[in-house]
Amino acid sequence: MTLPARTPRPVDAGVLWAGGVAAAFVAALIVIVGILFCRGILDVPVLAPKGEGVWGDADTITYAVGAAVAALLATGVMHLLLVSTPKSGMFFAWIVSLSTLAAMLAPFAVKASQESRIATAVLNLVLGIAIGSLVSGSAHSAVRKASFGTRPPLPGPPYPTR
């Protein structure tokens, strides 16, 4: 017994990647706003506590670019999942959730103040939620609806005329 060949799900790559680029821009802005909020309003150092920085010598621009790259990477993963995997949204949710958890735990693996670790972990959580939801939404818009079993409409009005 042979299984029927699986036809790939029709994906509008332009829509998906336009959403991915927009998600990258939003992710970079989240980093900038988050760092301004933490450093400027809360007076909590993110990425650069006194002495050595939480991420070594990383700065705000590096962090923002890294967030944008993460969003583009997530878009690539989603595209791959959409064309190759059943229940792609479920797999994507797991991948993003575990990646976000790793990003949240990373600040606690270095020497820094507890405030700085928590602020960085919260910022990474917000980034993970934003990237995951924006890329998922773009993917939902990019998947074309299959038209199996539908017929073209009959000509004329849908009701009898007198």
N, C-alpha and C. Protein backbone atom coordinates (compact mmCIF):
# COMPACT_ATOMS: atom_id res chain seq x y z
N MET A 1 0.84 -1.17 0.00
CA MET A 1 0.00 0.00 0.00
C MET A 1 0.89 1.24 0.00
N THR A 2 0.64 2.11 -0.92
CA THR A 2 1.40 3.35 -0.98
C THR A 2 0.51 4.50 -0.55
N LEU A 3 1.12 5.40 0.14
CA LEU A 3 0.40 6.59 0.59
C LEU A 3 0.38 7.62 -0.54
N PRO A 4 -0.70 8.38 -0.62
CA PRO A 4 -0.73 9.42 -1.66
C PRO A 4 0.33 10.48 -1.37
N ALA A 5 0.85 11.04 -2.44
CA ALA A 5 1.87 12.09 -2.29
C ALA A 5 1.24 13.30 -1.60
N ARG A 6 1.98 13.87 -0.69
CA ARG A 6 1.50 15.06 0.03
C ARG A 6 1.78 16.28 -0.81
N THR A 7 0.74 17.03 -1.08
CA THR A 7 0.96 18.26 -1.82
C THR A 7 1.30 19.36 -0.82
N PRO A 8 2.31 20.15 -1.11
CA PRO A 8 2.70 21.21 -0.17
C PRO A 8 1.58 22.25 -0.02
N ARG A 9 1.51 22.77 1.17
CA ARG A 9 0.52 23.81 1.46
C ARG A 9 0.88 25.06 0.68
N PRO A 10 -0.08 25.67 0.03
CA PRO A 10 0.24 26.89 -0.72
C PRO A 10 0.52 28.06 0.23
N VAL A 11 1.71 28.60 0.13
CA VAL A 11 2.14 29.69 1.01
C VAL A 11 2.53 30.88 0.15
N ASP A 12 2.00 32.04 0.49
CA ASP A 12 2.39 33.28 -0.18
C ASP A 12 3.64 33.80 0.52
N ALA A 13 4.80 33.44 -0.04
CA ALA A 13 6.08 33.79 0.58
C ALA A 13 6.26 35.29 0.73
N GLY A 14 5.76 36.07 -0.22
CA GLY A 14 5.88 37.53 -0.13
C GLY A 14 5.19 38.07 1.09
N VAL A 15 3.98 37.57 1.37
CA VAL A 15 3.24 38.02 2.56
C VAL A 15 3.97 37.59 3.83
N LEU A 16 4.43 36.33 3.85
CA LEU A 16 5.12 35.82 5.03
C LEU A 16 6.38 36.64 5.33
N TRP A 17 7.20 36.88 4.31
CA TRP A 17 8.46 37.59 4.54
C TRP A 17 8.27 39.09 4.78
N ALA A 18 7.24 39.67 4.19
CA ALA A 18 6.93 41.07 4.51
C ALA A 18 6.57 41.18 5.99
N GLY A 19 5.78 40.22 6.47
CA GLY A 19 5.46 40.19 7.90
C GLY A 19 6.69 39.93 8.75
N GLY A 20 7.59 39.09 8.26
CA GLY A 20 8.83 38.82 8.99
C GLY A 20 9.73 40.04 9.10
N VAL A 21 9.81 40.80 8.03
CA VAL A 21 10.62 42.04 8.06
C VAL A 21 9.99 43.05 9.03
N ALA A 22 8.66 43.14 8.98
CA ALA A 22 7.97 44.04 9.92
C ALA A 22 8.18 43.57 11.36
N ALA A 23 8.14 42.26 11.59
CA ALA A 23 8.39 41.72 12.93
C ALA A 23 9.81 42.03 13.39
N ALA A 24 10.77 41.98 12.46
CA ALA A 24 12.15 42.31 12.79
C ALA A 24 12.28 43.77 13.23
N PHE A 25 11.59 44.65 12.52
CA PHE A 25 11.61 46.07 12.87
C PHE A 25 10.99 46.29 14.25
N VAL A 26 9.86 45.63 14.51
CA VAL A 26 9.21 45.74 15.81
C VAL A 26 10.11 45.19 16.92
N ALA A 27 10.77 44.08 16.67
CA ALA A 27 11.66 43.48 17.67
C ALA A 27 12.80 44.44 18.02
N ALA A 28 13.39 45.07 17.01
CA ALA A 28 14.46 46.03 17.27
C ALA A 28 13.94 47.22 18.09
N LEU A 29 12.74 47.69 17.77
CA LEU A 29 12.16 48.80 18.53
C LEU A 29 11.83 48.39 19.97
N ILE A 30 11.40 47.16 20.17
CA ILE A 30 11.13 46.67 21.53
C ILE A 30 12.40 46.74 22.36
N VAL A 31 13.52 46.33 21.79
CA VAL A 31 14.79 46.38 22.52
C VAL A 31 15.14 47.82 22.88
N ILE A 32 15.03 48.71 21.92
CA ILE A 32 15.40 50.12 22.17
C ILE A 32 14.50 50.72 23.25
N VAL A 33 13.18 50.52 23.11
CA VAL A 33 12.25 51.06 24.11
C VAL A 33 12.45 50.39 25.46
N GLY A 34 12.67 49.08 25.47
CA GLY A 34 12.88 48.36 26.72
C GLY A 34 14.13 48.82 27.46
N ILE A 35 15.20 49.03 26.72
CA ILE A 35 16.44 49.49 27.35
C ILE A 35 16.29 50.93 27.84
N LEU A 36 15.64 51.78 27.04
CA LEU A 36 15.40 53.15 27.50
C LEU A 36 14.54 53.16 28.78
N PHE A 37 13.53 52.31 28.82
CA PHE A 37 12.66 52.23 29.99
C PHE A 37 13.44 51.73 31.21
N CYS A 38 14.17 50.63 31.03
CA CYS A 38 14.90 50.06 32.17
C CYS A 38 16.01 50.98 32.67
N ARG A 39 16.80 51.51 31.75
CA ARG A 39 17.92 52.36 32.16
C ARG A 39 17.45 53.76 32.57
N GLY A 40 16.55 54.33 31.77
CA GLY A 40 16.16 55.73 32.00
C GLY A 40 15.14 55.91 33.09
N ILE A 41 14.13 55.04 33.19
CA ILE A 41 13.06 55.23 34.16
C ILE A 41 13.30 54.41 35.42
N LEU A 42 13.62 53.14 35.25
CA LEU A 42 13.82 52.27 36.42
C LEU A 42 15.23 52.34 36.99
N ASP A 43 16.16 52.93 36.25
CA ASP A 43 17.56 53.02 36.64
C ASP A 43 18.15 51.63 36.89
N VAL A 44 17.74 50.67 36.06
CA VAL A 44 18.25 49.30 36.13
C VAL A 44 19.08 49.07 34.88
N PRO A 45 20.34 48.70 35.05
CA PRO A 45 21.17 48.48 33.86
C PRO A 45 20.78 47.17 33.15
N VAL A 46 20.52 47.28 31.85
CA VAL A 46 20.28 46.11 31.02
C VAL A 46 21.47 45.98 30.10
N LEU A 47 22.06 44.82 30.06
CA LEU A 47 23.22 44.52 29.22
C LEU A 47 24.52 45.14 29.68
N ALA A 48 24.47 46.19 30.46
CA ALA A 48 25.72 46.85 30.84
C ALA A 48 25.72 47.25 32.30
N PRO A 49 25.68 46.27 33.21
CA PRO A 49 25.81 46.64 34.62
C PRO A 49 27.22 47.14 34.90
N LYS A 50 27.43 47.69 36.07
CA LYS A 50 28.76 48.19 36.41
C LYS A 50 29.78 47.07 36.24
N GLY A 51 30.90 47.41 35.67
CA GLY A 51 31.91 46.39 35.39
C GLY A 51 31.64 45.76 34.05
N GLU A 52 31.68 44.46 34.00
CA GLU A 52 31.49 43.74 32.74
C GLU A 52 30.01 43.62 32.41
N GLY A 53 29.64 43.81 31.16
CA GLY A 53 28.25 43.75 30.74
C GLY A 53 27.66 42.36 30.85
N VAL A 54 26.35 42.30 30.96
CA VAL A 54 25.67 41.01 31.07
C VAL A 54 25.97 40.15 29.85
N TRP A 55 26.03 40.76 28.67
CA TRP A 55 26.32 40.02 27.44
C TRP A 55 27.74 40.31 26.97
N GLY A 56 28.67 40.48 27.88
CA GLY A 56 30.04 40.82 27.49
C GLY A 56 30.10 42.29 27.14
N ASP A 57 30.52 42.60 25.91
CA ASP A 57 30.63 44.00 25.51
C ASP A 57 29.48 44.42 24.58
N ALA A 58 28.37 43.70 24.65
CA ALA A 58 27.23 44.03 23.80
C ALA A 58 26.66 45.38 24.18
N ASP A 59 26.07 46.05 23.21
CA ASP A 59 25.44 47.33 23.47
C ASP A 59 24.02 47.32 22.91
N THR A 60 23.35 48.43 23.01
CA THR A 60 21.96 48.52 22.59
C THR A 60 21.77 48.19 21.11
N ILE A 61 22.62 48.71 20.26
CA ILE A 61 22.49 48.47 18.82
C ILE A 61 22.70 46.99 18.50
N THR A 62 23.69 46.38 19.13
CA THR A 62 23.94 44.95 18.91
C THR A 62 22.74 44.13 19.35
N TYR A 63 22.17 44.47 20.48
CA TYR A 63 21.00 43.76 21.00
C TYR A 63 19.80 43.94 20.06
N ALA A 64 19.59 45.17 19.57
CA ALA A 64 18.48 45.45 18.66
C ALA A 64 18.65 44.70 17.34
N VAL A 65 19.86 44.70 16.80
CA VAL A 65 20.13 43.96 15.56
C VAL A 65 19.94 42.47 15.79
N GLY A 66 20.40 41.98 16.94
CA GLY A 66 20.21 40.57 17.27
C GLY A 66 18.74 40.19 17.35
N ALA A 67 17.91 41.07 17.90
CA ALA A 67 16.47 40.82 17.98
C ALA A 67 15.85 40.78 16.59
N ALA A 68 16.29 41.69 15.72
CA ALA A 68 15.79 41.71 14.34
C ALA A 68 16.19 40.43 13.60
N VAL A 69 17.42 40.00 13.79
CA VAL A 69 17.89 38.76 13.16
C VAL A 69 17.09 37.57 13.70
N ALA A 70 16.79 37.57 14.99
CA ALA A 70 15.99 36.49 15.57
C ALA A 70 14.61 36.42 14.92
N ALA A 71 14.01 37.58 14.67
CA ALA A 71 12.69 37.61 14.02
C ALA A 71 12.78 37.07 12.59
N LEU A 72 13.83 37.43 11.86
CA LEU A 72 14.00 36.92 10.51
C LEU A 72 14.28 35.42 10.52
N LEU A 73 15.05 34.97 11.49
CA LEU A 73 15.29 33.53 11.64
C LEU A 73 13.99 32.79 11.94
N ALA A 74 13.17 33.36 12.80
CA ALA A 74 11.88 32.76 13.12
C ALA A 74 10.99 32.68 11.88
N THR A 75 11.07 33.70 11.04
CA THR A 75 10.30 33.69 9.79
C THR A 75 10.78 32.56 8.88
N GLY A 76 12.09 32.39 8.80
CA GLY A 76 12.64 31.29 8.00
C GLY A 76 12.21 29.93 8.52
N VAL A 77 12.24 29.77 9.83
CA VAL A 77 11.80 28.51 10.44
C VAL A 77 10.32 28.28 10.13
N MET A 78 9.51 29.32 10.27
CA MET A 78 8.09 29.18 9.99
C MET A 78 7.85 28.81 8.53
N HIS A 79 8.58 29.44 7.62
CA HIS A 79 8.42 29.14 6.20
C HIS A 79 8.75 27.66 5.95
N LEU A 80 9.84 27.20 6.50
CA LEU A 80 10.23 25.80 6.36
C LEU A 80 9.16 24.87 6.92
N LEU A 81 8.65 25.20 8.09
CA LEU A 81 7.61 24.37 8.71
C LEU A 81 6.33 24.37 7.88
N LEU A 82 5.95 25.52 7.34
CA LEU A 82 4.71 25.61 6.56
C LEU A 82 4.73 24.72 5.32
N VAL A 83 5.87 24.63 4.68
CA VAL A 83 5.94 23.85 3.44
C VAL A 83 6.31 22.39 3.68
N SER A 84 6.64 22.01 4.92
CA SER A 84 7.13 20.65 5.12
C SER A 84 6.49 19.88 6.27
N THR A 85 5.80 20.54 7.15
CA THR A 85 5.40 19.89 8.39
C THR A 85 3.91 20.01 8.64
N PRO A 86 3.28 18.90 9.03
CA PRO A 86 1.88 19.02 9.45
C PRO A 86 1.82 19.73 10.80
N LYS A 87 0.74 20.42 11.06
CA LYS A 87 0.58 21.16 12.33
C LYS A 87 1.77 22.09 12.57
N SER A 88 2.15 22.82 11.53
CA SER A 88 3.33 23.68 11.61
C SER A 88 3.23 24.72 12.71
N GLY A 89 2.03 25.22 12.97
CA GLY A 89 1.87 26.21 14.03
C GLY A 89 2.21 25.67 15.40
N MET A 90 1.88 24.42 15.64
CA MET A 90 2.18 23.80 16.93
C MET A 90 3.69 23.65 17.11
N PHE A 91 4.38 23.18 16.07
CA PHE A 91 5.82 23.04 16.15
C PHE A 91 6.49 24.40 16.32
N PHE A 92 5.99 25.40 15.60
CA PHE A 92 6.56 26.74 15.70
C PHE A 92 6.38 27.28 17.13
N ALA A 93 5.22 27.05 17.72
CA ALA A 93 4.97 27.52 19.08
C ALA A 93 5.96 26.89 20.06
N TRP A 94 6.22 25.61 19.90
CA TRP A 94 7.20 24.95 20.77
C TRP A 94 8.60 25.52 20.57
N ILE A 95 8.98 25.70 19.32
CA ILE A 95 10.32 26.23 19.03
C ILE A 95 10.50 27.62 19.62
N VAL A 96 9.52 28.50 19.41
CA VAL A 96 9.60 29.86 19.93
C VAL A 96 9.55 29.86 21.45
N SER A 97 8.70 29.05 22.04
CA SER A 97 8.59 29.00 23.50
C SER A 97 9.89 28.55 24.15
N LEU A 98 10.49 27.50 23.61
CA LEU A 98 11.75 27.00 24.19
C LEU A 98 12.90 27.96 23.94
N SER A 99 12.91 28.61 22.78
CA SER A 99 13.95 29.62 22.50
C SER A 99 13.80 30.82 23.43
N THR A 100 12.57 31.22 23.68
CA THR A 100 12.32 32.34 24.59
C THR A 100 12.74 31.96 26.01
N LEU A 101 12.44 30.74 26.43
CA LEU A 101 12.84 30.29 27.76
C LEU A 101 14.36 30.30 27.89
N ALA A 102 15.07 29.83 26.87
CA ALA A 102 16.54 29.86 26.90
C ALA A 102 17.06 31.29 26.98
N ALA A 103 16.43 32.20 26.23
CA ALA A 103 16.86 33.61 26.27
C ALA A 103 16.56 34.24 27.63
N MET A 104 15.51 33.78 28.29
CA MET A 104 15.19 34.30 29.62
C MET A 104 16.15 33.76 30.68
N LEU A 105 16.62 32.53 30.51
CA LEU A 105 17.52 31.94 31.49
C LEU A 105 18.97 32.39 31.32
N ALA A 106 19.33 32.80 30.11
CA ALA A 106 20.71 33.19 29.82
C ALA A 106 21.27 34.27 30.74
N PRO A 107 20.52 35.33 31.08
CA PRO A 107 21.09 36.36 31.96
C PRO A 107 21.45 35.84 33.35
N PHE A 108 20.82 34.75 33.77
CA PHE A 108 21.10 34.22 35.10
C PHE A 108 22.35 33.35 35.13
N ALA A 109 22.97 33.14 33.98
CA ALA A 109 24.18 32.34 33.90
C ALA A 109 25.45 33.20 33.99
N VAL A 110 25.29 34.50 34.11
CA VAL A 110 26.45 35.40 34.20
C VAL A 110 26.40 36.19 35.50
N LYS A 111 27.54 36.78 35.84
CA LYS A 111 27.61 37.60 37.04
C LYS A 111 27.10 38.99 36.73
N ALA A 112 26.04 39.37 37.40
CA ALA A 112 25.45 40.69 37.25
C ALA A 112 24.51 40.88 38.43
N SER A 113 24.02 42.09 38.61
CA SER A 113 23.07 42.33 39.70
C SER A 113 21.77 41.59 39.39
N GLN A 114 21.07 41.24 40.45
CA GLN A 114 19.79 40.54 40.28
C GLN A 114 18.80 41.40 39.49
N GLU A 115 18.79 42.71 39.74
CA GLU A 115 17.90 43.61 39.00
C GLU A 115 18.18 43.56 37.51
N SER A 116 19.46 43.58 37.14
CA SER A 116 19.85 43.55 35.74
C SER A 116 19.46 42.23 35.09
N ARG A 117 19.65 41.14 35.79
CA ARG A 117 19.27 39.83 35.26
C ARG A 117 17.77 39.75 35.01
N ILE A 118 17.00 40.22 35.98
CA ILE A 118 15.54 40.16 35.86
C ILE A 118 15.07 41.06 34.72
N ALA A 119 15.61 42.28 34.64
CA ALA A 119 15.22 43.21 33.57
C ALA A 119 15.52 42.62 32.20
N THR A 120 16.69 42.02 32.05
CA THR A 120 17.06 41.43 30.76
C THR A 120 16.17 40.22 30.45
N ALA A 121 15.88 39.41 31.45
CA ALA A 121 15.00 38.25 31.24
C ALA A 121 13.59 38.69 30.83
N VAL A 122 13.08 39.74 31.46
CA VAL A 122 11.74 40.24 31.11
C VAL A 122 11.75 40.81 29.69
N LEU A 123 12.79 41.54 29.35
CA LEU A 123 12.89 42.07 27.99
C LEU A 123 12.95 40.93 26.97
N ASN A 124 13.67 39.87 27.27
CA ASN A 124 13.74 38.72 26.37
C ASN A 124 12.38 38.01 26.28
N LEU A 125 11.63 37.98 27.37
CA LEU A 125 10.29 37.41 27.33
C LEU A 125 9.38 38.21 26.40
N VAL A 126 9.40 39.53 26.55
CA VAL A 126 8.58 40.38 25.69
C VAL A 126 8.96 40.20 24.22
N LEU A 127 10.27 40.11 23.95
CA LEU A 127 10.73 39.87 22.58
C LEU A 127 10.21 38.54 22.04
N GLY A 128 10.31 37.50 22.84
CA GLY A 128 9.85 36.18 22.40
C GLY A 128 8.37 36.16 22.10
N ILE A 129 7.59 36.80 22.95
CA ILE A 129 6.14 36.87 22.72
C ILE A 129 5.84 37.65 21.45
N ALA A 130 6.51 38.78 21.28
CA ALA A 130 6.26 39.61 20.10
C ALA A 130 6.66 38.89 18.82
N ILE A 131 7.84 38.33 18.79
CA ILE A 131 8.31 37.64 17.58
C ILE A 131 7.39 36.45 17.27
N GLY A 132 7.09 35.65 18.27
CA GLY A 132 6.24 34.49 18.04
C GLY A 132 4.86 34.86 17.53
N SER A 133 4.25 35.85 18.15
CA SER A 133 2.88 36.21 17.74
C SER A 133 2.86 36.90 16.38
N LEU A 134 3.82 37.77 16.11
CA LEU A 134 3.84 38.48 14.83
C LEU A 134 4.14 37.55 13.66
N VAL A 135 5.11 36.67 13.84
CA VAL A 135 5.43 35.73 12.76
C VAL A 135 4.30 34.73 12.56
N SER A 136 3.69 34.27 13.64
CA SER A 136 2.54 33.36 13.52
C SER A 136 1.39 34.03 12.78
N GLY A 137 1.12 35.28 13.12
CA GLY A 137 0.06 36.02 12.44
C GLY A 137 0.35 36.21 10.96
N SER A 138 1.60 36.50 10.64
CA SER A 138 1.99 36.64 9.23
C SER A 138 1.83 35.32 8.50
N ALA A 139 2.19 34.23 9.17
CA ALA A 139 2.05 32.91 8.55
C ALA A 139 0.59 32.57 8.31
N HIS A 140 -0.25 32.92 9.25
CA HIS A 140 -1.68 32.67 9.09
C HIS A 140 -2.22 33.42 7.87
N SER A 141 -1.77 34.63 7.68
CA SER A 141 -2.20 35.41 6.52
C SER A 141 -1.59 34.89 5.22
N ALA A 142 -0.43 34.27 5.31
CA ALA A 142 0.29 33.83 4.11
C ALA A 142 -0.18 32.48 3.57
N VAL A 143 -0.86 31.70 4.39
CA VAL A 143 -1.33 30.39 3.95
C VAL A 143 -2.62 30.58 3.18
N ARG A 144 -2.60 30.16 1.93
CA ARG A 144 -3.79 30.28 1.09
C ARG A 144 -4.75 29.18 1.43
N LYS A 145 -6.00 29.50 1.45
CA LYS A 145 -7.03 28.52 1.74
C LYS A 145 -7.18 27.55 0.58
N ALA A 146 -7.23 26.27 0.89
CA ALA A 146 -7.44 25.26 -0.15
C ALA A 146 -8.88 25.32 -0.61
N SER A 147 -9.10 25.01 -1.87
CA SER A 147 -10.45 25.08 -2.40
C SER A 147 -10.93 23.70 -2.86
N PHE A 148 -10.70 22.69 -2.03
CA PHE A 148 -11.12 21.34 -2.38
C PHE A 148 -12.64 21.24 -2.27
N GLY A 149 -13.24 20.64 -3.28
CA GLY A 149 -14.66 20.35 -3.23
C GLY A 149 -15.57 21.55 -3.44
N THR A 150 -15.06 22.67 -3.83
CA THR A 150 -15.92 23.82 -4.05
C THR A 150 -16.18 23.96 -5.53
N ARG A 151 -17.32 24.46 -5.86
CA ARG A 151 -17.70 24.67 -7.25
C ARG A 151 -17.82 26.16 -7.52
N PRO A 152 -17.61 26.54 -8.75
CA PRO A 152 -17.82 27.96 -9.06
C PRO A 152 -19.31 28.29 -8.91
N PRO A 153 -19.62 29.52 -8.60
CA PRO A 153 -21.03 29.89 -8.41
C PRO A 153 -21.81 29.74 -9.72
N LEU A 154 -23.09 29.42 -9.56
CA LEU A 154 -23.96 29.31 -10.73
C LEU A 154 -24.24 30.72 -11.26
N PRO A 155 -24.41 30.81 -12.57
CA PRO A 155 -24.69 32.14 -13.12
C PRO A 155 -26.09 32.60 -12.72
N GLY A 156 -26.25 33.89 -12.62
CA GLY A 156 -27.56 34.45 -12.32
C GLY A 156 -27.76 34.65 -10.83
N PRO A 157 -28.89 35.21 -10.47
CA PRO A 157 -29.17 35.47 -9.04
C PRO A 157 -29.41 34.17 -8.28
N PRO A 158 -29.18 34.17 -6.97
CA PRO A 158 -29.32 32.95 -6.19
C PRO A 158 -30.78 32.57 -5.92
N TYR A 159 -31.74 33.35 -6.38
CA TYR A 159 -33.15 33.06 -6.14
C TYR A 159 -33.90 33.16 -7.47
N PRO A 160 -35.01 32.47 -7.59
CA PRO A 160 -35.75 32.53 -8.86
C PRO A 160 -36.37 33.92 -9.06
N THR A 161 -36.34 34.38 -10.28
CA THR A 161 -36.93 35.68 -10.60
C THR A 161 -38.28 35.48 -11.25
N ARG A 162 -39.15 36.41 -11.15
CA ARG A 162 -40.49 36.32 -11.75
C ARG A 162 -40.58 37.15 -12.97
